[in-house]
C-alpha atoms as a PDB file:
ATOM      1  CA  MET A   1      80.157 134.174 111.959  1.00  0.00           C
ATOM      2  CA  SER A   2      78.939 131.647 109.435  1.00  0.00           C
ATOM      3  CA  THR A   3      81.255 129.674 107.414  1.00  0.00           C
ATOM      4  CA  SER A   4      80.636 131.314 104.369  1.00  0.00           C
ATOM      5  CA  GLU A   5      81.571 134.775 105.929  1.00  0.00           C
ATOM      6  CA  ARG A   6      85.006 133.532 107.182  1.00  0.00           C
ATOM      7  CA  GLU A   7      88.066 134.361 105.188  1.00  0.00           C
ATOM      8  CA  ARG A   8      89.691 131.516 103.293  1.00  0.00           C
ATOM      9  CA  VAL A   9      93.243 130.760 103.663  1.00  0.00           C
ATOM     10  CA  ARG A  10      95.644 129.195 101.249  1.00  0.00           C
ATOM     11  CA  VAL A  11      98.217 126.548 102.530  1.00  0.00           C
ATOM     12  CA  GLU A  12     100.995 128.723 101.065  1.00  0.00           C
ATOM     13  CA  GLU A  13      99.873 131.793 103.453  1.00  0.00           C
ATOM     14  CA  LEU A  14     100.551 129.762 106.718  1.00  0.00           C
ATOM     15  CA  VAL A  15     103.462 130.462 108.663  1.00  0.00           C
ATOM     16  CA  TRP A  16     105.223 127.517 109.634  1.00  0.00           C
ATOM     17  CA  ASP A  17     108.179 127.541 112.563  1.00  0.00           C
ATOM     18  CA  GLU A  18     111.752 126.837 111.896  1.00  0.00           C
ATOM     19  CA  ARG A  19     111.174 123.150 112.088  1.00  0.00           C
ATOM     20  CA  GLY A  20     108.434 123.358 109.420  1.00  0.00           C
ATOM     21  CA  LEU A  21     105.731 122.644 111.910  1.00  0.00           C
ATOM     22  CA  ILE A  22     102.478 124.528 112.777  1.00  0.00           C
ATOM     23  CA  PRO A  23     100.779 123.801 116.209  1.00  0.00           C
ATOM     24  CA  ALA A  24      97.166 121.968 115.598  1.00  0.00           C
ATOM     25  CA  ILE A  25      94.621 122.196 118.381  1.00  0.00           C
ATOM     26  CA  VAL A  26      92.188 119.456 117.743  1.00  0.00           C
ATOM     27  CA  GLN A  27      88.369 119.871 119.119  1.00  0.00           C
ATOM     28  CA  ASP A  28      85.399 117.777 119.085  1.00  0.00           C
ATOM     29  CA  ALA A  29      83.318 119.514 116.624  1.00  0.00           C
ATOM     30  CA  GLU A  30      79.910 118.665 118.685  1.00  0.00           C
ATOM     31  CA  SER A  31      80.980 119.228 122.279  1.00  0.00           C
ATOM     32  CA  GLY A  32      83.444 122.054 121.780  1.00  0.00           C
ATOM     33  CA  GLU A  33      85.990 120.142 124.185  1.00  0.00           C
ATOM     34  CA  VAL A  34      89.587 120.609 123.302  1.00  0.00           C
ATOM     35  CA  LEU A  35      90.665 117.069 122.667  1.00  0.00           C
ATOM     36  CA  MET A  36      94.762 117.595 122.029  1.00  0.00           C
ATOM     37  CA  LEU A  37      97.439 120.012 121.128  1.00  0.00           C
ATOM     38  CA  ALA A  38      99.772 118.347 118.422  1.00  0.00           C
ATOM     39  CA  TYR A  39     101.717 119.625 115.259  1.00  0.00           C
ATOM     40  CA  MET A  40     101.637 119.229 111.687  1.00  0.00           C
ATOM     41  CA  ASP A  41     104.193 119.592 109.107  1.00  0.00           C
ATOM     42  CA  ARG A  42     103.116 120.414 105.458  1.00  0.00           C
ATOM     43  CA  ARG A  43     102.684 116.642 104.689  1.00  0.00           C
ATOM     44  CA  ALA A  44     100.575 115.880 107.584  1.00  0.00           C
ATOM     45  CA  LEU A  45      98.294 118.675 106.571  1.00  0.00           C
ATOM     46  CA  GLU A  46      98.319 117.667 102.967  1.00  0.00           C
ATOM     47  CA  LEU A  47      97.313 114.047 104.114  1.00  0.00           C
ATOM     48  CA  SER A  48      94.687 115.364 106.492  1.00  0.00           C
ATOM     49  CA  LEU A  49      92.983 117.431 103.827  1.00  0.00           C
ATOM     50  CA  GLU A  50      93.032 114.532 101.063  1.00  0.00           C
ATOM     51  CA  GLN A  51      91.953 111.883 103.156  1.00  0.00           C
ATOM     52  CA  GLY A  52      89.562 113.874 105.762  1.00  0.00           C
ATOM     53  CA  GLU A  53      91.153 112.203 108.876  1.00  0.00           C
ATOM     54  CA  VAL A  54      94.009 113.725 111.117  1.00  0.00           C
ATOM     55  CA  TRP A  55      97.607 113.209 110.511  1.00  0.00           C
ATOM     56  CA  LEU A  56     100.264 114.775 112.680  1.00  0.00           C
ATOM     57  CA  TRP A  57     103.862 115.314 112.891  1.00  0.00           C
ATOM     58  CA  SER A  58     105.269 113.334 116.059  1.00  0.00           C
ATOM     59  CA  ARG A  59     108.179 115.405 117.494  1.00  0.00           C
ATOM     60  CA  SER A  60     109.347 112.615 119.666  1.00  0.00           C
ATOM     61  CA  ARG A  61     109.417 109.827 116.894  1.00  0.00           C
ATOM     62  CA  GLY A  62     110.394 112.365 114.123  1.00  0.00           C
ATOM     63  CA  ALA A  63     107.858 110.811 111.903  1.00  0.00           C
ATOM     64  CA  LEU A  64     104.299 111.623 110.300  1.00  0.00           C
ATOM     65  CA  TRP A  65     101.441 109.553 112.070  1.00  0.00           C
ATOM     66  CA  HIS A  66      97.805 108.961 111.315  1.00  0.00           C
ATOM     67  CA  LYS A  67      95.560 109.790 114.499  1.00  0.00           C
ATOM     68  CA  GLY A  68      94.110 106.252 115.440  1.00  0.00           C
ATOM     69  CA  SER A  69      96.257 104.257 113.016  1.00  0.00           C
ATOM     70  CA  THR A  70      96.938 101.598 116.001  1.00  0.00           C
ATOM     71  CA  SER A  71      94.184 102.224 118.392  1.00  0.00           C
ATOM     72  CA  GLY A  72      91.302 102.688 115.885  1.00  0.00           C
ATOM     73  CA  HIS A  73      90.556 106.062 117.570  1.00  0.00           C
ATOM     74  CA  THR A  74      90.669 108.103 114.433  1.00  0.00           C
ATOM     75  CA  GLN A  75      89.676 111.617 114.151  1.00  0.00           C
ATOM     76  CA  THR A  76      87.183 112.483 111.106  1.00  0.00           C
ATOM     77  CA  ILE A  77      87.892 116.239 110.102  1.00  0.00           C
ATOM     78  CA  CYS A  78      84.753 118.542 109.875  1.00  0.00           C
ATOM     79  CA  GLU A  79      86.839 121.951 109.358  1.00  0.00           C
ATOM     80  CA  ILE A  80      90.185 123.228 109.580  1.00  0.00           C
ATOM     81  CA  ARG A  81      90.189 126.745 110.851  1.00  0.00           C
ATOM     82  CA  VAL A  82      93.402 129.245 110.739  1.00  0.00           C
ATOM     83  CA  ASP A  83      94.133 131.670 113.435  1.00  0.00           C
ATOM     84  CA  CYS A  84      94.437 135.558 112.714  1.00  0.00           C
ATOM     85  CA  ASP A  85      98.344 135.314 112.354  1.00  0.00           C
ATOM     86  CA  ALA A  86      98.193 132.116 110.137  1.00  0.00           C
ATOM     87  CA  ASP A  87     100.543 130.367 112.525  1.00  0.00           C
ATOM     88  CA  ALA A  88      98.004 128.000 114.412  1.00  0.00           C
ATOM     89  CA  LEU A  89      95.460 125.566 113.240  1.00  0.00           C
ATOM     90  CA  LEU A  90      92.289 124.628 115.043  1.00  0.00           C
ATOM     91  CA  VAL A  91      90.834 121.327 113.551  1.00  0.00           C
ATOM     92  CA  LEU A  92      87.283 120.335 114.329  1.00  0.00           C
ATOM     93  CA  VAL A  93      86.765 116.762 114.296  1.00  0.00           C
ATOM     94  CA  HIS A  94      84.119 113.955 115.101  1.00  0.00           C
ATOM     95  CA  PRO A  95      86.413 111.651 117.113  1.00  0.00           C
ATOM     96  CA  LYS A  96      86.147 107.857 117.184  1.00  0.00           C
ATOM     97  CA  GLY A  97      87.035 106.998 120.595  1.00  0.00           C
ATOM     98  CA  PRO A  98      89.540 108.966 123.281  1.00  0.00           C
ATOM     99  CA  ALA A  99      92.204 111.091 121.818  1.00  0.00           C
ATOM    100  CA  CYS A 100      94.665 110.797 124.558  1.00  0.00           C
ATOM    101  CA  HIS A 101      97.403 108.079 124.447  1.00  0.00           C
ATOM    102  CA  THR A 102      96.348 107.228 128.193  1.00  0.00           C
ATOM    103  CA  GLY A 103      92.886 106.234 126.892  1.00  0.00           C
ATOM    104  CA  ALA A 104      91.313 109.631 128.304  1.00  0.00           C
ATOM    105  CA  ARG A 105      88.928 111.419 126.198  1.00  0.00           C
ATOM    106  CA  SER A 106      91.100 114.709 125.945  1.00  0.00           C
ATOM    107  CA  CYS A 107      94.645 114.974 126.521  1.00  0.00           C
ATOM    108  CA  PHE A 108      93.560 117.845 129.098  1.00  0.00           C
ATOM    109  CA  PHE A 109      92.364 115.699 131.939  1.00  0.00           C
ATOM    110  CA  ARG A 110      94.886 117.224 134.469  1.00  0.00           C
ATOM    111  CA  THR A 111      94.787 120.313 136.656  1.00  0.00           C
ATOM    112  CA  LEU A 112      97.991 122.475 137.528  1.00  0.00           C
ATOM    113  CA  ASP A 113      98.343 122.315 141.085  1.00  0.00           C
ATOM    114  CA  LYS A 114      98.896 125.834 142.618  1.00  0.00           C
END
Protein backbone atom coordinates (compact mmCIF):
# COMPACT_ATOMS: atom_id res chain seq x y z
CA MET A 1 0.00 0.00 0.00
CA SER A 2 1.46 3.35 -0.98
CA THR A 3 1.60 6.32 1.38
CA SER A 4 -1.11 8.09 -0.63
CA GLU A 5 -3.45 5.10 -0.18
CA ARG A 6 -3.07 5.00 3.61
CA GLU A 7 -5.74 6.46 5.82
CA ARG A 8 -4.87 9.71 7.51
CA VAL A 9 -5.36 9.95 11.28
CA ARG A 10 -5.59 13.15 13.31
CA VAL A 11 -3.83 13.52 16.67
CA GLU A 12 -7.27 13.96 18.28
CA GLU A 13 -8.18 10.41 17.20
CA LEU A 14 -5.26 8.74 19.01
CA VAL A 15 -6.02 6.58 22.03
CA TRP A 16 -3.81 7.48 25.00
CA ASP A 17 -3.41 5.27 28.07
CA GLU A 18 -4.51 6.31 31.58
CA ARG A 19 -1.16 8.15 32.03
CA GLY A 20 -1.62 10.10 28.80
CA LEU A 21 0.99 8.04 26.95
CA ILE A 22 1.08 6.12 23.70
CA PRO A 23 3.70 3.46 22.79
CA ALA A 24 6.04 4.46 19.96
CA ILE A 25 7.98 1.78 18.10
CA VAL A 26 10.98 3.43 16.45
CA GLN A 27 12.15 1.70 13.26
CA ASP A 28 14.98 2.42 10.82
CA ALA A 29 13.22 3.61 7.66
CA GLU A 30 15.85 2.08 5.38
CA SER A 31 16.71 -1.27 6.95
CA GLY A 32 13.40 -1.96 8.69
CA GLU A 33 15.25 -2.80 11.91
CA VAL A 34 13.30 -2.05 15.09
CA LEU A 35 15.49 0.32 17.08
CA MET A 36 13.54 0.91 20.26
CA LEU A 37 10.19 0.99 22.00
CA ALA A 38 9.42 4.14 23.95
CA TYR A 39 6.45 6.30 24.89
CA MET A 40 5.19 9.69 23.82
CA ASP A 41 2.85 12.06 25.57
CA ARG A 42 0.97 14.71 23.58
CA ARG A 43 3.76 17.27 23.95
CA ALA A 44 6.43 14.80 22.79
CA LEU A 45 4.34 14.01 19.72
CA GLU A 46 3.75 17.71 19.02
CA LEU A 47 7.47 18.47 19.27
CA SER A 48 8.32 15.47 17.08
CA LEU A 49 5.88 16.65 14.41
CA GLU A 50 7.06 20.28 14.63
CA GLN A 51 10.81 19.62 14.69
CA GLY A 52 11.06 16.45 12.60
CA GLU A 53 13.16 14.67 15.22
CA VAL A 54 12.08 12.16 17.85
CA TRP A 55 10.93 13.46 21.25
CA LEU A 56 9.78 11.01 23.90
CA TRP A 57 8.41 10.83 27.42
CA SER A 58 10.72 9.19 29.93
CA ARG A 59 8.61 7.17 32.33
CA SER A 60 11.57 6.70 34.71
CA ARG A 61 12.46 10.40 34.83
CA GLY A 62 8.93 11.68 34.40
CA ALA A 63 10.12 14.17 31.79
CA LEU A 64 10.27 14.96 28.10
CA TRP A 65 13.48 14.14 26.28
CA HIS A 66 14.81 14.84 22.84
CA LYS A 67 16.33 11.58 21.58
CA GLY A 68 20.06 12.14 21.17
CA SER A 69 20.18 15.49 22.96
CA THR A 70 23.22 14.44 25.00
CA SER A 71 24.74 11.73 22.76
CA GLY A 72 24.18 13.42 19.41
CA HIS A 73 22.43 10.25 18.21
CA THR A 74 19.29 11.98 17.01
CA GLN A 75 16.59 10.35 14.90
CA THR A 76 15.16 12.26 11.94
CA ILE A 77 11.53 11.35 11.31
CA CYS A 78 10.49 10.17 7.85
CA GLU A 79 6.93 9.20 8.71
CA ILE A 80 4.73 8.35 11.67
CA ARG A 81 2.21 5.56 11.21
CA VAL A 82 -0.73 4.71 13.46
CA ASP A 83 -1.90 1.16 14.17
CA CYS A 84 -5.44 -0.01 13.40
CA ASP A 85 -6.70 0.75 16.94
CA ALA A 86 -4.98 4.17 17.03
CA ASP A 87 -3.28 3.20 20.30
CA ALA A 88 0.31 2.71 19.09
CA LEU A 89 2.70 4.58 16.79
CA LEU A 90 5.35 3.36 14.38
CA VAL A 91 7.97 6.07 13.93
CA LEU A 92 10.11 5.57 10.81
CA VAL A 93 13.43 7.33 11.20
CA HIS A 94 16.89 7.94 9.80
CA PRO A 95 19.05 7.39 12.88
CA LYS A 96 22.24 9.33 13.46
CA GLY A 97 24.15 6.74 15.47
CA PRO A 98 23.01 3.97 17.80
CA ALA A 99 19.54 4.04 19.37
CA CYS A 100 20.35 2.28 22.65
CA HIS A 101 21.88 3.99 25.66
CA THR A 102 24.33 1.03 25.83
CA GLY A 103 25.78 2.02 22.46
CA ALA A 104 24.08 -0.83 20.60
CA ARG A 105 22.44 0.04 17.28
CA SER A 106 19.11 -1.30 18.53
CA CYS A 107 17.74 -1.73 22.04
CA PHE A 108 16.72 -5.26 20.96
CA PHE A 109 20.16 -6.87 20.98
CA ARG A 110 19.45 -9.57 23.58
CA THR A 111 17.69 -12.92 23.14
CA LEU A 112 15.38 -14.38 25.77
CA ASP A 113 16.82 -17.58 27.19
CA LYS A 114 14.52 -20.60 27.10
